[in-house]
PDB file of N, CA and C in Angstrom:
ATOM      1  N   MET A   1      92.141  98.039 123.721  1.00  0.00           N
ATOM      2  CA  MET A   1      91.104  96.981 123.093  1.00  0.00           C
ATOM      3  C   MET A   1      89.805  97.489 122.762  1.00  0.00           C
ATOM      4  N   GLY A   2      88.797  97.164 121.871  1.00  0.00           N
ATOM      5  CA  GLY A   2      87.692  98.327 122.126  1.00  0.00           C
ATOM      6  C   GLY A   2      86.198  97.573 123.006  1.00  0.00           C
ATOM      7  N   TYR A   3      85.361  97.765 123.180  1.00  0.00           N
ATOM      8  CA  TYR A   3      83.957  97.223 123.796  1.00  0.00           C
ATOM      9  C   TYR A   3      83.853  96.728 122.567  1.00  0.00           C
ATOM     10  N   ARG A   4      83.698  96.153 121.237  1.00  0.00           N
ATOM     11  CA  ARG A   4      83.189  95.907 120.685  1.00  0.00           C
ATOM     12  C   ARG A   4      84.496  93.500 120.692  1.00  0.00           C
ATOM     13  N   LYS A   5      85.440  94.182 120.345  1.00  0.00           N
ATOM     14  CA  LYS A   5      86.275  92.963 120.589  1.00  0.00           C
ATOM     15  C   LYS A   5      86.459  92.213 122.018  1.00  0.00           C
ATOM     16  N   LYS A   6      86.244  93.165 122.705  1.00  0.00           N
ATOM     17  CA  LYS A   6      85.795  92.796 124.600  1.00  0.00           C
ATOM     18  C   LYS A   6      84.990  91.735 124.233  1.00  0.00           C
ATOM     19  N   LEU A   7      83.705  92.394 123.869  1.00  0.00           N
ATOM     20  CA  LEU A   7      82.350  91.292 124.205  1.00  0.00           C
ATOM     21  C   LEU A   7      82.768  90.325 122.953  1.00  0.00           C
ATOM     22  N   ALA A   8      83.094  90.228 121.564  1.00  0.00           N
ATOM     23  CA  ALA A   8      83.721  88.873 121.091  1.00  0.00           C
ATOM     24  C   ALA A   8      84.133  87.999 121.796  1.00  0.00           C
ATOM     25  N   MET A   9      84.756  88.068 122.338  1.00  0.00           N
ATOM     26  CA  MET A   9      86.245  87.163 122.711  1.00  0.00           C
ATOM     27  C   MET A   9      84.908  86.430 124.476  1.00  0.00           C
ATOM     28  N   LYS A  10      83.951  86.507 124.368  1.00  0.00           N
ATOM     29  CA  LYS A  10      83.005  86.118 125.228  1.00  0.00           C
ATOM     30  C   LYS A  10      82.743  85.335 124.702  1.00  0.00           C
ATOM     31  N   PHE A  11      82.129  85.127 123.660  1.00  0.00           N
ATOM     32  CA  PHE A  11      80.997  84.075 122.515  1.00  0.00           C
ATOM     33  C   PHE A  11      82.194  83.613 121.605  1.00  0.00           C
ATOM     34  N   ASP A  12      81.795  82.340 121.369  1.00  0.00           N
ATOM     35  CA  ASP A  12      82.424  81.463 120.295  1.00  0.00           C
ATOM     36  C   ASP A  12      81.511  80.914 119.059  1.00  0.00           C
ATOM     37  N   VAL A  13      80.062  82.217 118.989  1.00  0.00           N
ATOM     38  CA  VAL A  13      79.410  82.077 117.704  1.00  0.00           C
ATOM     39  C   VAL A  13      78.965  83.816 117.441  1.00  0.00           C
ATOM     40  N   PRO A  14      78.448  83.993 116.145  1.00  0.00           N
ATOM     41  CA  PRO A  14      78.255  85.390 116.070  1.00  0.00           C
ATOM     42  C   PRO A  14      77.393  85.650 116.807  1.00  0.00           C
ATOM     43  N   PHE A  15      77.150  87.094 116.653  1.00  0.00           N
ATOM     44  CA  PHE A  15      75.937  87.851 117.683  1.00  0.00           C
ATOM     45  C   PHE A  15      76.110  88.894 117.044  1.00  0.00           C
ATOM     46  N   PHE A  16      74.406  89.634 117.498  1.00  0.00           N
ATOM     47  CA  PHE A  16      74.195  91.414 117.374  1.00  0.00           C
ATOM     48  C   PHE A  16      74.148  91.901 118.678  1.00  0.00           C
ATOM     49  N   LEU A  17      74.097  93.027 118.282  1.00  0.00           N
ATOM     50  CA  LEU A  17      74.863  94.505 119.040  1.00  0.00           C
ATOM     51  C   LEU A  17      73.484  95.198 118.804  1.00  0.00           C
ATOM     52  N   THR A  18      72.161  95.526 119.277  1.00  0.00           N
ATOM     53  CA  THR A  18      71.682  96.448 118.813  1.00  0.00           C
ATOM     54  C   THR A  18      71.603  97.999 119.633  1.00  0.00           C
ATOM     55  N   HIS A  19      70.952  98.754 119.271  1.00  0.00           N
ATOM     56  CA  HIS A  19      70.249 100.151 119.820  1.00  0.00           C
ATOM     57  C   HIS A  19      71.212 100.859 120.366  1.00  0.00           C
ATOM     58  N   PHE A  20      72.326 101.202 119.261  1.00  0.00           N
ATOM     59  CA  PHE A  20      73.618 101.819 119.670  1.00  0.00           C
ATOM     60  C   PHE A  20      73.290 102.967 120.217  1.00  0.00           C
ATOM     61  N   PRO A  21      74.110 103.734 120.959  1.00  0.00           N
ATOM     62  CA  PRO A  21      73.535 105.740 120.828  1.00  0.00           C
ATOM     63  C   PRO A  21      73.241 106.313 119.614  1.00  0.00           C
ATOM     64  N   LYS A  22      73.183 107.416 119.572  1.00  0.00           N
ATOM     65  CA  LYS A  22      72.450 108.141 118.664  1.00  0.00           C
ATOM     66  C   LYS A  22      74.274 108.660 117.798  1.00  0.00           C
ATOM     67  N   GLY A  23      74.937 109.003 119.156  1.00  0.00           N
ATOM     68  CA  GLY A  23      76.126 110.053 118.772  1.00  0.00           C
ATOM     69  C   GLY A  23      77.026 108.583 118.257  1.00  0.00           C
ATOM     70  N   VAL A  24      76.992 107.571 118.408  1.00  0.00           N
ATOM     71  CA  VAL A  24      78.119 107.064 117.653  1.00  0.00           C
ATOM     72  C   VAL A  24      77.541 106.355 116.550  1.00  0.00           C
ATOM     73  N   LYS A  25      77.010 106.354 116.351  1.00  0.00           N
ATOM     74  CA  LYS A  25      76.246 106.023 114.632  1.00  0.00           C
ATOM     75  C   LYS A  25      75.777 107.189 113.440  1.00  0.00           C
ATOM     76  N   ALA A  26      76.495 107.245 112.456  1.00  0.00           N
ATOM     77  CA  ALA A  26      76.065 108.006 111.129  1.00  0.00           C
ATOM     78  C   ALA A  26      74.624 109.555 111.599  1.00  0.00           C
ATOM     79  N   PHE A  27      74.817 110.244 110.743  1.00  0.00           N
ATOM     80  CA  PHE A  27      73.505 111.061 111.183  1.00  0.00           C
ATOM     81  C   PHE A  27      72.046 109.823 111.011  1.00  0.00           C
ATOM     82  N   TYR A  28      72.630 109.651 110.204  1.00  0.00           N
ATOM     83  CA  TYR A  28      70.933 108.802 109.124  1.00  0.00           C
ATOM     84  C   TYR A  28      70.889 107.906 109.589  1.00  0.00           C
ATOM     85  N   HIS A  29      71.250 107.068 110.075  1.00  0.00           N
ATOM     86  CA  HIS A  29      70.656 105.853 111.472  1.00  0.00           C
ATOM     87  C   HIS A  29      69.068 106.427 111.589  1.00  0.00           C
ATOM     88  N   LYS A  30      68.336 105.345 111.463  1.00  0.00           N
ATOM     89  CA  LYS A  30      66.701 106.232 112.307  1.00  0.00           C
ATOM     90  C   LYS A  30      66.767 105.712 113.758  1.00  0.00           C
ATOM     91  N   PRO A  31      66.710 106.774 114.779  1.00  0.00           N
ATOM     92  CA  PRO A  31      66.846 106.330 115.854  1.00  0.00           C
ATOM     93  C   PRO A  31      65.310 105.945 116.288  1.00  0.00           C
ATOM     94  N   ASP A  32      65.080 105.446 117.897  1.00  0.00           N
ATOM     95  CA  ASP A  32      64.117 104.204 117.977  1.00  0.00           C
ATOM     96  C   ASP A  32      62.708 105.156 118.295  1.00  0.00           C
ATOM     97  N   PRO A  33      61.448 105.222 117.485  1.00  0.00           N
ATOM     98  CA  PRO A  33      60.369 106.189 118.153  1.00  0.00           C
ATOM     99  C   PRO A  33      60.591 106.194 120.143  1.00  0.00           C
ATOM    100  N   LYS A  34      60.600 105.116 120.279  1.00  0.00           N
ATOM    101  CA  LYS A  34      60.544 104.295 121.435  1.00  0.00           C
ATOM    102  C   LYS A  34      61.268 104.707 122.917  1.00  0.00           C
ATOM    103  N   ARG A  35      63.165 104.690 122.409  1.00  0.00           N
ATOM    104  CA  ARG A  35      63.762 105.630 122.614  1.00  0.00           C
ATOM    105  C   ARG A  35      64.368 106.561 121.565  1.00  0.00           C
ATOM    106  N   PRO A  36      64.435 107.862 121.746  1.00  0.00           N
ATOM    107  CA  PRO A  36      65.327 108.021 120.709  1.00  0.00           C
ATOM    108  C   PRO A  36      66.574 108.666 120.463  1.00  0.00           C
ATOM    109  N   GLU A  37      67.036 108.039 122.071  1.00  0.00           N
ATOM    110  CA  GLU A  37      68.508 108.408 122.151  1.00  0.00           C
ATOM    111  C   GLU A  37      69.025 106.973 122.052  1.00  0.00           C
ATOM    112  N   VAL A  38      68.231 106.421 121.377  1.00  0.00           N
ATOM    113  CA  VAL A  38      69.241 104.909 121.134  1.00  0.00           C
ATOM    114  C   VAL A  38      68.958 105.374 119.091  1.00  0.00           C
ATOM    115  N   THR A  39      69.729 104.682 117.949  1.00  0.00           N
ATOM    116  CA  THR A  39      69.014 104.116 116.775  1.00  0.00           C
ATOM    117  C   THR A  39      68.285 102.442 116.861  1.00  0.00           C
ATOM    118  N   LEU A  40      67.829 102.812 115.423  1.00  0.00           N
ATOM    119  CA  LEU A  40      67.239 101.196 115.512  1.00  0.00           C
ATOM    120  C   LEU A  40      68.591  99.968 114.870  1.00  0.00           C
ATOM    121  N   SER A  41      70.152 100.599 115.403  1.00  0.00           N
ATOM    122  CA  SER A  41      70.908  99.677 113.855  1.00  0.00           C
ATOM    123  C   SER A  41      71.060  98.397 114.910  1.00  0.00           C
ATOM    124  N   ALA A  42      71.637  97.453 114.254  1.00  0.00           N
ATOM    125  CA  ALA A  42      72.498  96.397 114.269  1.00  0.00           C
ATOM    126  C   ALA A  42      73.140  95.723 114.237  1.00  0.00           C
ATOM    127  N   ASP A  43      74.711  95.488 114.339  1.00  0.00           N
ATOM    128  CA  ASP A  43      75.736  95.393 114.469  1.00  0.00           C
ATOM    129  C   ASP A  43      76.313  93.814 114.657  1.00  0.00           C
ATOM    130  N   MET A  44      76.375  93.465 113.654  1.00  0.00           N
ATOM    131  CA  MET A  44      76.869  91.216 113.859  1.00  0.00           C
ATOM    132  C   MET A  44      78.320  91.272 114.316  1.00  0.00           C
ATOM    133  N   LEU A  45      78.969  90.931 115.525  1.00  0.00           N
ATOM    134  CA  LEU A  45      80.103  90.472 115.285  1.00  0.00           C
ATOM    135  C   LEU A  45      80.768  89.265 115.664  1.00  0.00           C
ATOM    136  N   ALA A  46      81.764  88.827 114.883  1.00  0.00           N
ATOM    137  CA  ALA A  46      82.436  87.798 114.784  1.00  0.00           C
ATOM    138  C   ALA A  46      83.310  87.167 116.169  1.00  0.00           C
ATOM    139  N   PRO A  47      82.773  86.193 116.281  1.00  0.00           N
ATOM    140  CA  PRO A  47      83.228  86.073 117.593  1.00  0.00           C
ATOM    141  C   PRO A  47      84.943  85.778 118.100  1.00  0.00           C
ATOM    142  N   GLU A  48      85.577  85.602 118.827  1.00  0.00           N
ATOM    143  CA  GLU A  48      87.249  85.590 119.368  1.00  0.00           C
ATOM    144  C   GLU A  48      87.386  87.208 119.105  1.00  0.00           C
ATOM    145  N   VAL A  49      88.389  87.785 118.205  1.00  0.00           N
ATOM    146  CA  VAL A  49      88.837  89.098 117.832  1.00  0.00           C
ATOM    147  C   VAL A  49      88.273  89.329 116.587  1.00  0.00           C
ATOM    148  N   TYR A  50      87.753  88.914 115.707  1.00  0.00           N
ATOM    149  CA  TYR A  50      87.659  89.037 114.555  1.00  0.00           C
ATOM    150  C   TYR A  50      86.783  90.847 114.265  1.00  0.00           C
ATOM    151  N   GLY A  51      85.792  91.152 115.395  1.00  0.00           N
ATOM    152  CA  GLY A  51      84.943  92.003 114.939  1.00  0.00           C
ATOM    153  C   GLY A  51      83.596  92.191 114.142  1.00  0.00           C
ATOM    154  N   GLU A  52      82.919  93.088 114.206  1.00  0.00           N
ATOM    155  CA  GLU A  52      82.108  93.402 112.883  1.00  0.00           C
ATOM    156  C   GLU A  52      82.733  92.819 111.957  1.00  0.00           C
ATOM    157  N   ILE A  53      81.255  92.371 111.653  1.00  0.00           N
ATOM    158  CA  ILE A  53      81.140  91.898 110.330  1.00  0.00           C
ATOM    159  C   ILE A  53      80.425  92.510 109.421  1.00  0.00           C
ATOM    160  N   ILE A  54      78.800  92.754 110.187  1.00  0.00           N
ATOM    161  CA  ILE A  54      77.984  92.998 109.471  1.00  0.00           C
ATOM    162  C   ILE A  54      77.251  94.329 109.890  1.00  0.00           C
ATOM    163  N   GLY A  55      77.149  95.680 109.453  1.00  0.00           N
ATOM    164  CA  GLY A  55      76.020  96.465 110.370  1.00  0.00           C
ATOM    165  C   GLY A  55      75.452  97.513 109.385  1.00  0.00           C
ATOM    166  N   GLY A  56      74.406  97.453 110.374  1.00  0.00           N
ATOM    167  CA  GLY A  56      72.874  97.844 108.771  1.00  0.00           C
ATOM    168  C   GLY A  56      72.105  98.760 110.204  1.00  0.00           C
ATOM    169  N   GLY A  57      71.201  98.729 109.348  1.00  0.00           N
ATOM    170  CA  GLY A  57      69.898  99.538 109.949  1.00  0.00           C
ATOM    171  C   GLY A  57      68.850 100.110 108.983  1.00  0.00           C
ATOM    172  N   PRO A  58      67.510 100.304 109.947  1.00  0.00           N
ATOM    173  CA  PRO A  58      66.720 101.673 109.125  1.00  0.00           C
ATOM    174  C   PRO A  58      67.934 102.971 109.071  1.00  0.00           C
ATOM    175  N   ARG A  59      67.344 103.737 107.870  1.00  0.00           N
ATOM    176  CA  ARG A  59      67.944 105.161 107.416  1.00  0.00           C
ATOM    177  C   ARG A  59      67.005 105.850 107.672  1.00  0.00           C
ATOM    178  N   ILE A  60      67.177 107.231 108.295  1.00  0.00           N
ATOM    179  CA  ILE A  60      65.727 108.212 108.346  1.00  0.00           C
ATOM    180  C   ILE A  60      65.420 108.557 106.669  1.00  0.00           C
ATOM    181  N   HIS A  61      63.789 108.719 106.613  1.00  0.00           N
ATOM    182  CA  HIS A  61      63.204 108.310 105.159  1.00  0.00           C
ATOM    183  C   HIS A  61      62.926 110.076 105.043  1.00  0.00           C
ATOM    184  N   ASP A  62      62.106 110.230 106.685  1.00  0.00           N
ATOM    185  CA  ASP A  62      61.926 111.988 106.398  1.00  0.00           C
ATOM    186  C   ASP A  62      62.751 113.225 106.104  1.00  0.00           C
ATOM    187  N   LEU A  63      62.610 114.255 105.621  1.00  0.00           N
ATOM    188  CA  LEU A  63      63.260 114.678 105.137  1.00  0.00           C
ATOM    189  C   LEU A  63      63.593 115.691 106.330  1.00  0.00           C
ATOM    190  N   GLU A  64      62.425 116.046 107.407  1.00  0.00           N
ATOM    191  CA  GLU A  64      62.882 117.921 108.306  1.00  0.00           C
ATOM    192  C   GLU A  64      63.649 116.335 109.325  1.00  0.00           C
ATOM    193  N   GLU A  65      63.174 115.278 109.743  1.00  0.00           N
ATOM    194  CA  GLU A  65      64.096 114.524 110.474  1.00  0.00           C
ATOM    195  C   GLU A  65      65.887 114.464 110.515  1.00  0.00           C
ATOM    196  N   LEU A  66      66.015 114.559 109.138  1.00  0.00           N
ATOM    197  CA  LEU A  66      66.536 113.529 108.303  1.00  0.00           C
ATOM    198  C   LEU A  66      67.735 115.468 108.438  1.00  0.00           C
ATOM    199  N   LEU A  67      67.274 116.648 108.926  1.00  0.00           N
ATOM    200  CA  LEU A  67      67.676 117.972 108.328  1.00  0.00           C
ATOM    201  C   LEU A  67      68.265 118.405 109.687  1.00  0.00           C
ATOM    202  N   GLN A  68      67.148 117.863 110.713  1.00  0.00           N
ATOM    203  CA  GLN A  68      67.448 117.919 111.954  1.00  0.00           C
ATOM    204  C   GLN A  68      68.639 117.202 113.173  1.00  0.00           C
ATOM    205  N   ARG A  69      68.821 115.478 112.539  1.00  0.00           N
ATOM    206  CA  ARG A  69      69.868 115.100 113.312  1.00  0.00           C
ATOM    207  C   ARG A  69      70.868 115.646 112.415  1.00  0.00           C
ATOM    208  N   ILE A  70      71.182 115.626 111.296  1.00  0.00           N
ATOM    209  CA  ILE A  70      72.327 116.972 110.408  1.00  0.00           C
ATOM    210  C   ILE A  70      72.617 118.245 111.039  1.00  0.00           C
ATOM    211  N   LYS A  71      71.784 118.906 111.837  1.00  0.00           N
ATOM    212  CA  LYS A  71      71.593 120.076 112.890  1.00  0.00           C
ATOM    213  C   LYS A  71      72.833 119.473 113.732  1.00  0.00           C
ATOM    214  N   GLU A  72      71.958 119.077 114.625  1.00  0.00           N
ATOM    215  CA  GLU A  72      72.068 117.890 116.117  1.00  0.00           C
ATOM    216  C   GLU A  72      73.591 117.178 115.577  1.00  0.00           C
ATOM    217  N   GLU A  73      74.003 117.103 114.868  1.00  0.00           N
ATOM    218  CA  GLU A  73      75.771 116.678 114.645  1.00  0.00           C
ATOM    219  C   GLU A  73      76.452 117.779 114.468  1.00  0.00           C
ATOM    220  N   LYS A  74      75.907 118.679 114.586  1.00  0.00           N
ATOM    221  CA  LYS A  74      76.958 120.048 114.206  1.00  0.00           C
ATOM    222  C   LYS A  74      77.573 119.607 112.583  1.00  0.00           C
ATOM    223  N   LEU A  75      76.838 118.986 111.375  1.00  0.00           N
ATOM    224  CA  LEU A  75      77.173 118.935 109.954  1.00  0.00           C
ATOM    225  C   LEU A  75      77.089 120.531 109.106  1.00  0.00           C
ATOM    226  N   ASP A  76      77.677 119.810 108.252  1.00  0.00           N
ATOM    227  CA  ASP A  76      77.297 121.277 106.926  1.00  0.00           C
ATOM    228  C   ASP A  76      76.468 120.624 106.005  1.00  0.00           C
ATOM    229  N   PRO A  77      75.421 121.245 106.030  1.00  0.00           N
ATOM    230  CA  PRO A  77      74.209 120.746 105.590  1.00  0.00           C
ATOM    231  C   PRO A  77      74.376 120.937 103.351  1.00  0.00           C
ATOM    232  N   LYS A  78      75.666 121.586 103.523  1.00  0.00           N
ATOM    233  CA  LYS A  78      75.545 121.927 101.909  1.00  0.00           C
ATOM    234  C   LYS A  78      76.866 120.563 101.592  1.00  0.00           C
ATOM    235  N   ASP A  79      77.134 119.884 102.512  1.00  0.00           N
ATOM    236  CA  ASP A  79      78.114 118.946 102.328  1.00  0.00           C
ATOM    237  C   ASP A  79      77.151 117.280 101.897  1.00  0.00           C
ATOM    238  N   TYR A  80      75.900 117.628 102.043  1.00  0.00           N
ATOM    239  CA  TYR A  80      75.032 115.899 102.632  1.00  0.00           C
ATOM    240  C   TYR A  80      74.209 116.844 101.308  1.00  0.00           C
ATOM    241  N   GLU A  81      74.360 118.151 100.763  1.00  0.00           N
ATOM    242  CA  GLU A  81      72.709 118.399  99.837  1.00  0.00           C
ATOM    243  C   GLU A  81      72.373 117.218  98.935  1.00  0.00           C
ATOM    244  N   TRP A  82      73.279 116.465  98.441  1.00  0.00           N
ATOM    245  CA  TRP A  82      72.757 115.317  97.019  1.00  0.00           C
ATOM    246  C   TRP A  82      72.076 114.665  98.308  1.00  0.00           C
ATOM    247  N   TYR A  83      72.218 114.214  99.142  1.00  0.00           N
ATOM    248  CA  TYR A  83      71.895 112.683 100.076  1.00  0.00           C
ATOM    249  C   TYR A  83      70.402 113.464 100.337  1.00  0.00           C
ATOM    250  N   VAL A  84      70.529 114.250 100.512  1.00  0.00           N
ATOM    251  CA  VAL A  84      69.279 115.827 101.419  1.00  0.00           C
ATOM    252  C   VAL A  84      67.831 115.628 100.368  1.00  0.00           C
ATOM    253  N   ASP A  85      68.690 115.736  98.831  1.00  0.00           N
ATOM    254  CA  ASP A  85      67.776 115.850  97.877  1.00  0.00           C
ATOM    255  C   ASP A  85      66.692 114.116  97.874  1.00  0.00           C
ATOM    256  N   LEU A  86      67.664 113.236  98.235  1.00  0.00           N
ATOM    257  CA  LEU A  86      66.998 112.315  97.882  1.00  0.00           C
ATOM    258  C   LEU A  86      66.041 111.640  99.029  1.00  0.00           C
ATOM    259  N   ARG A  87      66.182 112.565 100.362  1.00  0.00           N
ATOM    260  CA  ARG A  87      64.279 112.442 100.777  1.00  0.00           C
ATOM    261  C   ARG A  87      63.805 114.028 100.158  1.00  0.00           C
ATOM    262  N   ARG A  88      64.499 114.857  99.687  1.00  0.00           N
ATOM    263  CA  ARG A  88      63.271 115.716  99.388  1.00  0.00           C
ATOM    264  C   ARG A  88      62.277 115.358  98.234  1.00  0.00           C
ATOM    265  N   TYR A  89      62.975 114.602  97.113  1.00  0.00           N
ATOM    266  CA  TYR A  89      62.239 114.121  95.603  1.00  0.00           C
ATOM    267  C   TYR A  89      61.782 113.138  95.838  1.00  0.00           C
ATOM    268  N   GLY A  90      61.291 112.615  97.270  1.00  0.00           N
ATOM    269  CA  GLY A  90      60.476 111.521  97.334  1.00  0.00           C
ATOM    270  C   GLY A  90      61.832 110.248  98.056  1.00  0.00           C
ATOM    271  N   SER A  91      61.368 109.843  98.943  1.00  0.00           N
ATOM    272  CA  SER A  91      62.003 108.421  99.977  1.00  0.00           C
ATOM    273  C   SER A  91      60.685 107.328 100.375  1.00  0.00           C
ATOM    274  N   VAL A  92      61.091 106.585 101.352  1.00  0.00           N
ATOM    275  CA  VAL A  92      60.332 105.386 101.198  1.00  0.00           C
ATOM    276  C   VAL A  92      61.235 105.089 102.329  1.00  0.00           C
ATOM    277  N   PRO A  93      60.464 104.548 103.683  1.00  0.00           N
ATOM    278  CA  PRO A  93      61.122 103.480 104.746  1.00  0.00           C
ATOM    279  C   PRO A  93      62.311 102.902 104.311  1.00  0.00           C
ATOM    280  N   HIS A  94      63.500 102.680 104.605  1.00  0.00           N
ATOM    281  CA  HIS A  94      64.261 101.391 103.687  1.00  0.00           C
ATOM    282  C   HIS A  94      65.841 101.361 104.890  1.00  0.00           C
ATOM    283  N   ALA A  95      65.704 100.647 104.594  1.00  0.00           N
ATOM    284  CA  ALA A  95      67.006  99.658 105.514  1.00  0.00           C
ATOM    285  C   ALA A  95      68.552  99.501 104.425  1.00  0.00           C
ATOM    286  N   GLY A  96      69.550  99.540 104.767  1.00  0.00           N
ATOM    287  CA  GLY A  96      70.676  99.437 104.381  1.00  0.00           C
ATOM    288  C   GLY A  96      71.787  97.980 105.468  1.00  0.00           C
ATOM    289  N   PHE A  97      72.300  97.163 105.034  1.00  0.00           N
ATOM    290  CA  PHE A  97      73.430  96.936 105.663  1.00  0.00           C
ATOM    291  C   PHE A  97      75.006  96.891 104.786  1.00  0.00           C
ATOM    292  N   GLY A  98      76.034  96.773 105.574  1.00  0.00           N
ATOM    293  CA  GLY A  98      77.414  96.659 104.792  1.00  0.00           C
ATOM    294  C   GLY A  98      77.853  95.043 105.279  1.00  0.00           C
ATOM    295  N   LEU A  99      78.589  94.131 104.415  1.00  0.00           N
ATOM    296  CA  LEU A  99      79.358  93.271 104.889  1.00  0.00           C
ATOM    297  C   LEU A  99      81.013  93.372 104.783  1.00  0.00           C
ATOM    298  N   GLY A 100      81.385  93.117 105.355  1.00  0.00           N
ATOM    299  CA  GLY A 100      82.926  93.394 105.776  1.00  0.00           C
ATOM    300  C   GLY A 100      83.713  91.963 105.536  1.00  0.00           C
ATOM    301  N   ILE A 101      83.272  92.011 103.723  1.00  0.00           N
ATOM    302  CA  ILE A 101      83.586  90.646 103.495  1.00  0.00           C
ATOM    303  C   ILE A 101      85.264  90.325 103.740  1.00  0.00           C
ATOM    304  N   GLU A 102      86.309  91.377 103.756  1.00  0.00           N
ATOM    305  CA  GLU A 102      87.755  91.032 104.286  1.00  0.00           C
ATOM    306  C   GLU A 102      87.662  90.355 105.980  1.00  0.00           C
ATOM    307  N   ARG A 103      87.034  91.440 106.574  1.00  0.00           N
ATOM    308  CA  ARG A 103      86.416  90.392 108.089  1.00  0.00           C
ATOM    309  C   ARG A 103      86.198  89.455 108.059  1.00  0.00           C
ATOM    310  N   PHE A 104      84.900  89.179 106.939  1.00  0.00           N
ATOM    311  CA  PHE A 104      84.261  87.837 107.268  1.00  0.00           C
ATOM    312  C   PHE A 104      85.305  86.805 106.677  1.00  0.00           C
ATOM    313  N   VAL A 105      85.786  86.567 105.867  1.00  0.00           N
ATOM    314  CA  VAL A 105      86.612  85.524 105.043  1.00  0.00           C
ATOM    315  C   VAL A 105      87.643  85.400 106.238  1.00  0.00           C
ATOM    316  N   MET A 106      88.556  86.393 106.920  1.00  0.00           N
ATOM    317  CA  MET A 106      89.034  86.485 107.834  1.00  0.00           C
ATOM    318  C   MET A 106      89.041  85.706 108.991  1.00  0.00           C
ATOM    319  N   TRP A 107      87.632  86.288 109.590  1.00  0.00           N
ATOM    320  CA  TRP A 107      86.898  84.842 110.316  1.00  0.00           C
ATOM    321  C   TRP A 107      86.793  83.448 110.135  1.00  0.00           C
ATOM    322  N   VAL A 108      85.749  83.039 108.961  1.00  0.00           N
ATOM    323  CA  VAL A 108      85.877  81.837 108.536  1.00  0.00           C
ATOM    324  C   VAL A 108      87.120  81.176 108.196  1.00  0.00           C
ATOM    325  N   CYS A 109      88.354  81.776 107.669  1.00  0.00           N
ATOM    326  CA  CYS A 109      89.771  81.412 107.536  1.00  0.00           C
ATOM    327  C   CYS A 109      90.461  81.438 108.271  1.00  0.00           C
ATOM    328  N   LYS A 110      90.113  81.759 109.978  1.00  0.00           N
ATOM    329  CA  LYS A 110      91.011  81.695 110.680  1.00  0.00           C
ATOM    330  C   LYS A 110      92.454  82.727 110.924  1.00  0.00           C
ATOM    331  N   LEU A 111      92.235  83.449 109.798  1.00  0.00           N
ATOM    332  CA  LEU A 111      93.112  84.625 109.191  1.00  0.00           C
ATOM    333  C   LEU A 111      94.061  85.144 110.804  1.00  0.00           C
ATOM    334  N   LYS A 112      95.514  85.222 110.950  1.00  0.00           N
ATOM    335  CA  LYS A 112      96.197  86.871 111.689  1.00  0.00           C
ATOM    336  C   LYS A 112      95.711  88.153 111.377  1.00  0.00           C
ATOM    337  N   HIS A 113      96.216  88.411 110.364  1.00  0.00           N
ATOM    338  CA  HIS A 113      95.957  89.960 109.707  1.00  0.00           C
ATOM    339  C   HIS A 113      95.007  89.818 108.781  1.00  0.00           C
ATOM    340  N   ILE A 114      94.364  91.009 108.225  1.00  0.00           N
ATOM    341  CA  ILE A 114      92.902  91.616 108.022  1.00  0.00           C
ATOM    342  C   ILE A 114      93.604  91.535 105.976  1.00  0.00           C
ATOM    343  N   ARG A 115      95.313  92.376 105.878  1.00  0.00           N
ATOM    344  CA  ARG A 115      95.870  91.989 104.393  1.00  0.00           C
ATOM    345  C   ARG A 115      95.848  90.656 103.895  1.00  0.00           C
ATOM    346  N   ASP A 116      95.743  89.615 104.753  1.00  0.00           N
ATOM    347  CA  ASP A 116      96.020  88.830 104.119  1.00  0.00           C
ATOM    348  C   ASP A 116      94.546  87.815 103.721  1.00  0.00           C
ATOM    349  N   ALA A 117      93.233  88.435 104.035  1.00  0.00           N
ATOM    350  CA  ALA A 117      92.307  88.254 103.215  1.00  0.00           C
ATOM    351  C   ALA A 117      91.217  89.281 101.858  1.00  0.00           C
ATOM    352  N   ILE A 118      92.450  89.975 101.841  1.00  0.00           N
ATOM    353  CA  ILE A 118      92.091  91.495 101.068  1.00  0.00           C
ATOM    354  C   ILE A 118      92.871  90.741  99.511  1.00  0.00           C
ATOM    355  N   PRO A 119      92.194  90.486  98.396  1.00  0.00           N
ATOM    356  CA  PRO A 119      93.014  90.307  97.059  1.00  0.00           C
ATOM    357  C   PRO A 119      94.075  91.125  97.002  1.00  0.00           C
ATOM    358  N   PHE A 120      93.924  92.528  96.413  1.00  0.00           N
ATOM    359  CA  PHE A 120      95.214  92.934  96.264  1.00  0.00           C
ATOM    360  C   PHE A 120      95.344  94.275  97.463  1.00  0.00           C
ATOM    361  N   PRO A 121      95.418  93.605  98.447  1.00  0.00           N
ATOM    362  CA  PRO A 121      96.313  95.045  99.318  1.00  0.00           C
ATOM    363  C   PRO A 121      97.246  95.871  99.002  1.00  0.00           C
ATOM    364  N   ARG A 122      96.896  97.256  99.402  1.00  0.00           N
ATOM    365  CA  ARG A 122      98.210  98.087  99.027  1.00  0.00           C
ATOM    366  C   ARG A 122      99.190  98.214 100.692  1.00  0.00           C
ATOM    367  N   LEU A 123     100.486  97.846 100.236  1.00  0.00           N
ATOM    368  CA  LEU A 123     101.027  97.264 101.066  1.00  0.00           C
ATOM    369  C   LEU A 123     102.455  98.520 100.968  1.00  0.00           C
ATOM    370  N   ILE A 124     103.255  99.143 101.963  1.00  0.00           N
ATOM    371  CA  ILE A 124     104.124 100.087 101.749  1.00  0.00           C
ATOM    372  C   ILE A 124     105.225 100.141 100.323  1.00  0.00           C
ATOM    373  N   ASN A 125     104.951  98.817  99.692  1.00  0.00           N
ATOM    374  CA  ASN A 125     106.425  98.763  98.841  1.00  0.00           C
ATOM    375  C   ASN A 125     105.227  98.123  97.535  1.00  0.00           C
ATOM    376  N   ARG A 126     104.076  98.934  97.540  1.00  0.00           N
ATOM    377  CA  ARG A 126     103.223  98.081  96.347  1.00  0.00           C
ATOM    378  C   ARG A 126     102.318  98.583  96.946  1.00  0.00           C
ATOM    379  N   ILE A 127     101.350  99.884  95.646  1.00  0.00           N
ATOM    380  CA  ILE A 127     100.433 100.742  95.850  1.00  0.00           C
ATOM    381  C   ILE A 127      99.258 100.500  94.817  1.00  0.00           C
ATOM    382  N   TYR A 128     100.219  99.227  93.615  1.00  0.00           N
ATOM    383  CA  TYR A 128      98.841  99.188  92.805  1.00  0.00           C
ATOM    384  C   TYR A 128      99.011  97.663  92.669  1.00  0.00           C
ATOM    385  N   PRO A 129      97.756  97.118  92.267  1.00  0.00           N
ATOM    386  CA  PRO A 129      97.324  95.911  92.283  1.00  0.00           C
ATOM    387  C   PRO A 129      98.984  95.190  90.733  1.00  0.00           C
TER     388      PRO A 129
END
């Protein structure tokens, strides 16, 4: 069982985890200016065993900072050219988040398996809805 689920087992209400180490978040998460080894990201975890239901935080908007993070993670900049171009041709400070709707439904409805929260799940015997 992962650390997130272990933590979630200790709560009966949703809670936030913040300031993840840079190495465990995607390269585009903005590092904390006061503690550059962590990001300004945050995840909301549902109680019990449902895990992360929301994840997000500020994104790196500075071109040079973004290129440095790509280099630090030993990624090929060519693979992210389209993303880098978004910064190259103008960007503003911004943030984003993702809501895991199936996990949210699973938590609210107290479902035992995530496939029960997916409208048209892919199964071994069914690939198409």
